[in-house]
Amino acid sequence: MKIETFKVKNNEFIVNNNILVTTVNNKIVSFTPAEFAMIYYLLHHQSKLISKREFEEKVLHLRFDRNGD
């Protein structure tokens, strides 16, 4: 079971990656699988500025050619 804890400002996020459950300040928050993937990625990269393209490629699995089309 993979459970991780993240601190964001004054909030504590506890993420259970096996069953896609997130607890924020001891309250269960339900996410769709897509929403869970987004919050999970953002929590793991909270100290990094993430570009729209990186987010789309890494989280949404969208691919773009180099011309921007």
C-alpha atoms as a PDB file:
ATOM      1  CA  MET A   1       0.000   0.000   0.000  1.00  0.00           C
ATOM      2  CA  LYS A   2       1.446   3.346  -1.016  1.00  0.00           C
ATOM      3  CA  ILE A   3       0.362   6.172   1.278  1.00  0.00           C
ATOM      4  CA  GLU A   4       2.065   9.558   1.042  1.00  0.00           C
ATOM      5  CA  THR A   5       1.666  12.715   3.081  1.00  0.00           C
ATOM      6  CA  PHE A   6       2.141  16.211   1.666  1.00  0.00           C
ATOM      7  CA  LYS A   7       2.041  19.592   3.367  1.00  0.00           C
ATOM      8  CA  VAL A   8       0.669  22.519   1.354  1.00  0.00           C
ATOM      9  CA  LYS A   9       0.577  25.730   3.345  1.00  0.00           C
ATOM     10  CA  ASN A  10      -1.468  24.811   6.427  1.00  0.00           C
ATOM     11  CA  ASN A  11      -3.125  21.790   4.845  1.00  0.00           C
ATOM     12  CA  GLU A  12      -2.165  18.148   5.091  1.00  0.00           C
ATOM     13  CA  PHE A  13      -2.884  15.879   2.132  1.00  0.00           C
ATOM     14  CA  ILE A  14      -2.744  12.126   2.679  1.00  0.00           C
ATOM     15  CA  VAL A  15      -2.835  10.260  -0.612  1.00  0.00           C
ATOM     16  CA  ASN A  16      -3.469   6.546  -0.995  1.00  0.00           C
ATOM     17  CA  ASN A  17      -2.349   5.767  -4.518  1.00  0.00           C
ATOM     18  CA  ASN A  18      -3.624   2.180  -4.436  1.00  0.00           C
ATOM     19  CA  ILE A  19      -7.282   3.056  -3.976  1.00  0.00           C
ATOM     20  CA  LEU A  20      -7.192   6.648  -5.309  1.00  0.00           C
ATOM     21  CA  VAL A  21      -8.303   8.223  -2.032  1.00  0.00           C
ATOM     22  CA  THR A  22      -7.156  11.591  -0.760  1.00  0.00           C
ATOM     23  CA  THR A  23      -7.679  12.992   2.703  1.00  0.00           C
ATOM     24  CA  VAL A  24      -7.298  16.725   3.288  1.00  0.00           C
ATOM     25  CA  ASN A  25      -7.117  17.807   6.919  1.00  0.00           C
ATOM     26  CA  ASN A  26      -8.684  14.493   8.010  1.00  0.00           C
ATOM     27  CA  LYS A  27     -11.615  14.778   5.578  1.00  0.00           C
ATOM     28  CA  ILE A  28     -11.957  12.361   2.672  1.00  0.00           C
ATOM     29  CA  VAL A  29     -12.111  14.121  -0.682  1.00  0.00           C
ATOM     30  CA  SER A  30     -13.392  12.159  -3.655  1.00  0.00           C
ATOM     31  CA  PHE A  31     -11.805  12.665  -7.060  1.00  0.00           C
ATOM     32  CA  THR A  32     -12.394  11.114 -10.440  1.00  0.00           C
ATOM     33  CA  PRO A  33      -9.372   9.154 -11.714  1.00  0.00           C
ATOM     34  CA  ALA A  34      -8.420  12.115 -13.952  1.00  0.00           C
ATOM     35  CA  GLU A  35      -8.713  14.596 -11.072  1.00  0.00           C
ATOM     36  CA  PHE A  36      -6.694  12.282  -8.840  1.00  0.00           C
ATOM     37  CA  ALA A  37      -3.917  12.116 -11.443  1.00  0.00           C
ATOM     38  CA  MET A  38      -3.849  15.915 -11.611  1.00  0.00           C
ATOM     39  CA  ILE A  39      -3.704  16.520  -7.858  1.00  0.00           C
ATOM     40  CA  TYR A  40      -1.163  13.722  -7.409  1.00  0.00           C
ATOM     41  CA  TYR A  41       1.154  15.228 -10.031  1.00  0.00           C
ATOM     42  CA  LEU A  42       0.792  18.730  -8.614  1.00  0.00           C
ATOM     43  CA  LEU A  43       1.494  17.537  -5.063  1.00  0.00           C
ATOM     44  CA  HIS A  44       4.635  15.745  -6.238  1.00  0.00           C
ATOM     45  CA  HIS A  45       5.855  18.847  -8.082  1.00  0.00           C
ATOM     46  CA  GLN A  46       4.626  21.602  -5.769  1.00  0.00           C
ATOM     47  CA  SER A  47       8.002  23.337  -5.584  1.00  0.00           C
ATOM     48  CA  LYS A  48       8.322  23.453  -9.388  1.00  0.00           C
ATOM     49  CA  LEU A  49       6.697  25.726 -11.932  1.00  0.00           C
ATOM     50  CA  ILE A  50       4.896  23.421 -14.359  1.00  0.00           C
ATOM     51  CA  SER A  51       4.180  24.581 -17.882  1.00  0.00           C
ATOM     52  CA  LYS A  52       0.849  23.921 -19.530  1.00  0.00           C
ATOM     53  CA  ARG A  53       2.575  21.692 -22.067  1.00  0.00           C
ATOM     54  CA  GLU A  54       4.322  19.616 -19.401  1.00  0.00           C
ATOM     55  CA  PHE A  55       1.041  19.204 -17.503  1.00  0.00           C
ATOM     56  CA  GLU A  56      -0.810  18.179 -20.646  1.00  0.00           C
ATOM     57  CA  GLU A  57       1.877  15.683 -21.636  1.00  0.00           C
ATOM     58  CA  LYS A  58       2.632  14.174 -18.218  1.00  0.00           C
ATOM     59  CA  VAL A  59      -0.833  14.164 -16.674  1.00  0.00           C
ATOM     60  CA  LEU A  60      -3.336  14.333 -19.504  1.00  0.00           C
ATOM     61  CA  HIS A  61      -1.105  12.281 -21.822  1.00  0.00           C
ATOM     62  CA  LEU A  62      -1.601  14.653 -24.723  1.00  0.00           C
ATOM     63  CA  ARG A  63       1.137  14.807 -27.336  1.00  0.00           C
ATOM     64  CA  PHE A  64       2.040  17.712 -29.559  1.00  0.00           C
ATOM     65  CA  ASP A  65       4.403  18.028 -32.463  1.00  0.00           C
ATOM     66  CA  ARG A  66       7.212  20.569 -32.277  1.00  0.00           C
ATOM     67  CA  ASN A  67       5.337  23.071 -34.496  1.00  0.00           C
ATOM     68  CA  GLY A  68       2.722  23.624 -31.786  1.00  0.00           C
ATOM     69  CA  ASP A  69      -0.112  22.059 -33.795  1.00  0.00           C
END
